[in-house]
Amino acid sequence: MTLSGEKQLLGKKLTEGAFTFDLYEAKADWTAGTKLSTAVNDAEGCFTFPVLTFDTPGTWQYLVKEANGGKVVQDVLYDDTVYRVTVTVTKNDEGELAYLVELANGDALTFRNRYVDQPPKTEDPALTLWITLMTLTGGAAITLMAKKKKLF
């Protein structure tokens, strides 16, 4: 049985191998357990994890999420969705295993990233302090001049 999904990138052309997705065993509380495999997108945005094999009937739970989820990396805001996947394996009348795959939060494994054009960072503490002080002292000087002229 294989799990596949789709990558969508808004605002920029999608390139093959640009995004990575991880498949985890889910713990009982739906937190990530052991990482089982990784997949990357193709040029059309599709990704497929390696085959999962089951020998016996039962229920297995997995998490699928994108590497860098929720972060901005190289002007791309990554999707922070974590999909909960339940695979139920049963045996049919012929003795063959049948698989039922259910997503708790969605119809398909679709991750949507967005290109964000970010302004250059100008977080210079000295410059910020200087601008703040100049603004405050300039405002104080105008207030003093206005009071001398009885403007308010």
C-alpha atoms as a PDB file:
ATOM      1  CA  MET A   1       0.000   0.000   0.000  1.00  0.00           C
ATOM      2  CA  THR A   2       1.333   3.473  -0.839  1.00  0.00           C
ATOM      3  CA  LEU A   3       0.527   6.936   0.448  1.00  0.00           C
ATOM      4  CA  SER A   4       0.742   9.770  -2.064  1.00  0.00           C
ATOM      5  CA  GLY A   5       0.081  13.469  -1.963  1.00  0.00           C
ATOM      6  CA  GLU A   6       0.358  16.759  -3.779  1.00  0.00           C
ATOM      7  CA  LYS A   7       2.463  19.887  -3.301  1.00  0.00           C
ATOM      8  CA  GLN A   8       1.108  23.248  -4.441  1.00  0.00           C
ATOM      9  CA  LEU A   9       3.252  26.377  -4.529  1.00  0.00           C
ATOM     10  CA  LEU A  10       1.533  29.741  -4.916  1.00  0.00           C
ATOM     11  CA  GLY A  11       3.444  32.673  -6.421  1.00  0.00           C
ATOM     12  CA  LYS A  12       6.421  30.770  -7.787  1.00  0.00           C
ATOM     13  CA  LYS A  13       7.146  27.920 -10.219  1.00  0.00           C
ATOM     14  CA  LEU A  14       7.346  24.506  -8.586  1.00  0.00           C
ATOM     15  CA  THR A  15      10.581  22.597  -9.178  1.00  0.00           C
ATOM     16  CA  GLU A  16      11.283  18.898  -8.780  1.00  0.00           C
ATOM     17  CA  GLY A  17      12.799  17.850  -5.462  1.00  0.00           C
ATOM     18  CA  ALA A  18      12.295  21.243  -3.802  1.00  0.00           C
ATOM     19  CA  PHE A  19      10.059  20.013  -0.965  1.00  0.00           C
ATOM     20  CA  THR A  20      10.364  17.109   1.464  1.00  0.00           C
ATOM     21  CA  PHE A  21       7.598  15.233   3.269  1.00  0.00           C
ATOM     22  CA  ASP A  22       7.929  12.883   6.233  1.00  0.00           C
ATOM     23  CA  LEU A  23       5.880   9.844   7.257  1.00  0.00           C
ATOM     24  CA  TYR A  24       5.855   9.024  10.986  1.00  0.00           C
ATOM     25  CA  GLU A  25       4.369   6.282  13.061  1.00  0.00           C
ATOM     26  CA  ALA A  26       1.765   8.000  15.252  1.00  0.00           C
ATOM     27  CA  LYS A  27       1.706   7.460  18.988  1.00  0.00           C
ATOM     28  CA  ALA A  28      -1.637   6.887  20.778  1.00  0.00           C
ATOM     29  CA  ASP A  29      -1.939  10.641  21.465  1.00  0.00           C
ATOM     30  CA  TRP A  30      -1.298  11.475  17.775  1.00  0.00           C
ATOM     31  CA  THR A  31       2.207  12.806  18.363  1.00  0.00           C
ATOM     32  CA  ALA A  32       5.034  11.799  16.057  1.00  0.00           C
ATOM     33  CA  GLY A  33       6.827   8.582  16.852  1.00  0.00           C
ATOM     34  CA  THR A  34       9.490   6.998  14.662  1.00  0.00           C
ATOM     35  CA  LYS A  35      10.113   8.543  11.245  1.00  0.00           C
ATOM     36  CA  LEU A  36       9.440   5.770   8.726  1.00  0.00           C
ATOM     37  CA  SER A  37      10.251   7.390   5.399  1.00  0.00           C
ATOM     38  CA  THR A  38      10.718  10.571   3.400  1.00  0.00           C
ATOM     39  CA  ALA A  39       9.416  11.608  -0.007  1.00  0.00           C
ATOM     40  CA  VAL A  40      10.133  14.566  -2.315  1.00  0.00           C
ATOM     41  CA  ASN A  41       7.932  16.233  -4.899  1.00  0.00           C
ATOM     42  CA  ASP A  42       8.249  15.653  -8.645  1.00  0.00           C
ATOM     43  CA  ALA A  43       7.979  18.449 -11.242  1.00  0.00           C
ATOM     44  CA  GLU A  44       4.166  18.277 -11.178  1.00  0.00           C
ATOM     45  CA  GLY A  45       4.027  18.454  -7.369  1.00  0.00           C
ATOM     46  CA  CYS A  46       3.249  14.786  -6.664  1.00  0.00           C
ATOM     47  CA  PHE A  47       5.033  12.825  -3.964  1.00  0.00           C
ATOM     48  CA  THR A  48       4.806   9.151  -2.972  1.00  0.00           C
ATOM     49  CA  PHE A  49       6.185   7.389   0.070  1.00  0.00           C
ATOM     50  CA  PRO A  50       7.779   3.954  -0.257  1.00  0.00           C
ATOM     51  CA  VAL A  51       5.377   0.999  -0.054  1.00  0.00           C
ATOM     52  CA  LEU A  52       3.956   0.120   3.362  1.00  0.00           C
ATOM     53  CA  THR A  53       3.526  -3.631   3.854  1.00  0.00           C
ATOM     54  CA  PHE A  54       1.103  -5.346   6.194  1.00  0.00           C
ATOM     55  CA  ASP A  55       1.051  -9.088   6.924  1.00  0.00           C
ATOM     56  CA  THR A  56      -1.892  -9.242   9.308  1.00  0.00           C
ATOM     57  CA  PRO A  57      -5.210  -7.491   9.864  1.00  0.00           C
ATOM     58  CA  GLY A  58      -5.116  -4.543  12.266  1.00  0.00           C
ATOM     59  CA  THR A  59      -5.140  -0.769  12.538  1.00  0.00           C
ATOM     60  CA  TRP A  60      -2.102   1.459  12.089  1.00  0.00           C
ATOM     61  CA  GLN A  61      -1.858   5.220  12.569  1.00  0.00           C
ATOM     62  CA  TYR A  62       0.529   7.587  10.832  1.00  0.00           C
ATOM     63  CA  LEU A  63       1.341  11.275  10.611  1.00  0.00           C
ATOM     64  CA  VAL A  64       2.359  13.005   7.392  1.00  0.00           C
ATOM     65  CA  LYS A  65       3.907  16.448   7.489  1.00  0.00           C
ATOM     66  CA  GLU A  66       6.142  18.666   5.449  1.00  0.00           C
ATOM     67  CA  ALA A  67       9.720  19.327   6.524  1.00  0.00           C
ATOM     68  CA  ASN A  68      10.043  22.995   7.599  1.00  0.00           C
ATOM     69  CA  GLY A  69       6.285  23.165   8.223  1.00  0.00           C
ATOM     70  CA  GLY A  70       5.199  26.604   9.450  1.00  0.00           C
ATOM     71  CA  LYS A  71       8.565  28.244   8.723  1.00  0.00           C
ATOM     72  CA  VAL A  72       9.660  30.724   6.072  1.00  0.00           C
ATOM     73  CA  VAL A  73      12.685  29.393   4.184  1.00  0.00           C
ATOM     74  CA  GLN A  74      14.121  31.197   1.153  1.00  0.00           C
ATOM     75  CA  ASP A  75      10.972  33.361   0.876  1.00  0.00           C
ATOM     76  CA  VAL A  76       8.609  30.363   0.952  1.00  0.00           C
ATOM     77  CA  LEU A  77       6.070  29.988   3.768  1.00  0.00           C
ATOM     78  CA  TYR A  78       5.756  26.242   4.380  1.00  0.00           C
ATOM     79  CA  ASP A  79       2.421  24.569   5.108  1.00  0.00           C
ATOM     80  CA  ASP A  80       2.236  23.471   8.749  1.00  0.00           C
ATOM     81  CA  THR A  81      -0.560  20.925   8.271  1.00  0.00           C
ATOM     82  CA  VAL A  82      -0.046  17.572   9.960  1.00  0.00           C
ATOM     83  CA  TYR A  83      -2.255  14.885   8.430  1.00  0.00           C
ATOM     84  CA  ARG A  84      -3.534  12.040  10.605  1.00  0.00           C
ATOM     85  CA  VAL A  85      -3.762   8.824   8.599  1.00  0.00           C
ATOM     86  CA  THR A  86      -5.402   5.611   9.808  1.00  0.00           C
ATOM     87  CA  VAL A  87      -4.886   2.411   7.831  1.00  0.00           C
ATOM     88  CA  THR A  88      -7.251  -0.438   8.654  1.00  0.00           C
ATOM     89  CA  VAL A  89      -6.258  -3.814   7.261  1.00  0.00           C
ATOM     90  CA  THR A  90      -8.868  -6.573   7.041  1.00  0.00           C
ATOM     91  CA  LYS A  91      -8.975 -10.020   5.492  1.00  0.00           C
ATOM     92  CA  ASN A  92     -11.668 -10.603   2.843  1.00  0.00           C
ATOM     93  CA  ASP A  93     -13.555 -13.869   2.139  1.00  0.00           C
ATOM     94  CA  GLU A  94     -10.766 -15.086  -0.147  1.00  0.00           C
ATOM     95  CA  GLY A  95      -8.182 -14.597   2.605  1.00  0.00           C
ATOM     96  CA  GLU A  96      -6.610 -11.566   0.903  1.00  0.00           C
ATOM     97  CA  LEU A  97      -5.761  -8.432   2.827  1.00  0.00           C
ATOM     98  CA  ALA A  98      -7.778  -5.295   2.059  1.00  0.00           C
ATOM     99  CA  TYR A  99      -6.770  -1.761   3.058  1.00  0.00           C
ATOM    100  CA  LEU A 100      -8.938   1.166   4.112  1.00  0.00           C
ATOM    101  CA  VAL A 101      -7.108   4.504   4.366  1.00  0.00           C
ATOM    102  CA  GLU A 102      -8.783   7.353   6.255  1.00  0.00           C
ATOM    103  CA  LEU A 103      -7.604  10.924   6.779  1.00  0.00           C
ATOM    104  CA  ALA A 104      -8.848  12.532   9.989  1.00  0.00           C
ATOM    105  CA  ASN A 105      -8.300  16.059   8.700  1.00  0.00           C
ATOM    106  CA  GLY A 106      -8.836  16.322   4.974  1.00  0.00           C
ATOM    107  CA  ASP A 107      -9.684  14.430   1.822  1.00  0.00           C
ATOM    108  CA  ALA A 108      -6.176  14.267   0.385  1.00  0.00           C
ATOM    109  CA  LEU A 109      -2.562  14.835   1.405  1.00  0.00           C
ATOM    110  CA  THR A 110      -2.266  18.319  -0.094  1.00  0.00           C
ATOM    111  CA  PHE A 111       0.336  20.782   1.122  1.00  0.00           C
ATOM    112  CA  ARG A 112       0.093  24.407  -0.019  1.00  0.00           C
ATOM    113  CA  ASN A 113       3.145  26.625   0.293  1.00  0.00           C
ATOM    114  CA  ARG A 114       3.207  30.298  -0.563  1.00  0.00           C
ATOM    115  CA  TYR A 115       5.998  32.441  -1.939  1.00  0.00           C
ATOM    116  CA  VAL A 116       6.313  35.572   0.195  1.00  0.00           C
ATOM    117  CA  ASP A 117       8.207  38.571  -1.044  1.00  0.00           C
ATOM    118  CA  GLN A 118       9.794  39.792   2.157  1.00  0.00           C
ATOM    119  CA  PRO A 119      11.287  43.250   2.576  1.00  0.00           C
ATOM    120  CA  PRO A 120      14.951  43.320   3.537  1.00  0.00           C
ATOM    121  CA  LYS A 121      15.528  43.071   7.268  1.00  0.00           C
ATOM    122  CA  THR A 122      16.730  46.267   8.932  1.00  0.00           C
ATOM    123  CA  GLU A 123      16.813  45.155  12.529  1.00  0.00           C
ATOM    124  CA  ASP A 124      19.773  47.245  13.658  1.00  0.00           C
ATOM    125  CA  PRO A 125      19.188  47.964  17.372  1.00  0.00           C
ATOM    126  CA  ALA A 126      21.361  51.096  17.307  1.00  0.00           C
ATOM    127  CA  LEU A 127      19.457  52.515  14.325  1.00  0.00           C
ATOM    128  CA  THR A 128      16.105  51.684  15.935  1.00  0.00           C
ATOM    129  CA  LEU A 129      17.169  53.409  19.181  1.00  0.00           C
ATOM    130  CA  TRP A 130      18.445  56.455  17.298  1.00  0.00           C
ATOM    131  CA  ILE A 131      15.190  56.813  15.317  1.00  0.00           C
ATOM    132  CA  THR A 132      13.131  56.401  18.503  1.00  0.00           C
ATOM    133  CA  LEU A 133      15.165  59.013  20.398  1.00  0.00           C
ATOM    134  CA  MET A 134      15.040  61.463  17.492  1.00  0.00           C
ATOM    135  CA  THR A 135      11.294  61.005  17.226  1.00  0.00           C
ATOM    136  CA  LEU A 136      10.774  61.536  20.960  1.00  0.00           C
ATOM    137  CA  THR A 137      13.095  64.542  21.272  1.00  0.00           C
ATOM    138  CA  GLY A 138      11.738  66.093  18.099  1.00  0.00           C
ATOM    139  CA  GLY A 139       8.226  65.730  19.436  1.00  0.00           C
ATOM    140  CA  ALA A 140       9.276  67.274  22.756  1.00  0.00           C
ATOM    141  CA  ALA A 141      10.899  70.260  21.014  1.00  0.00           C
ATOM    142  CA  ILE A 142       7.745  70.937  18.975  1.00  0.00           C
ATOM    143  CA  THR A 143       5.611  70.733  22.139  1.00  0.00           C
ATOM    144  CA  LEU A 144       7.887  73.235  23.965  1.00  0.00           C
ATOM    145  CA  MET A 145       7.813  75.687  21.046  1.00  0.00           C
ATOM    146  CA  ALA A 146       4.030  75.402  20.807  1.00  0.00           C
ATOM    147  CA  LYS A 147       3.606  76.065  24.539  1.00  0.00           C
ATOM    148  CA  LYS A 148       5.877  79.156  24.335  1.00  0.00           C
ATOM    149  CA  LYS A 149       3.689  80.534  21.560  1.00  0.00           C
ATOM    150  CA  LYS A 150       0.540  79.444  23.471  1.00  0.00           C
ATOM    151  CA  LEU A 151      -0.720  77.272  20.614  1.00  0.00           C
ATOM    152  CA  PHE A 152      -2.460  74.927  23.072  1.00  0.00           C
END
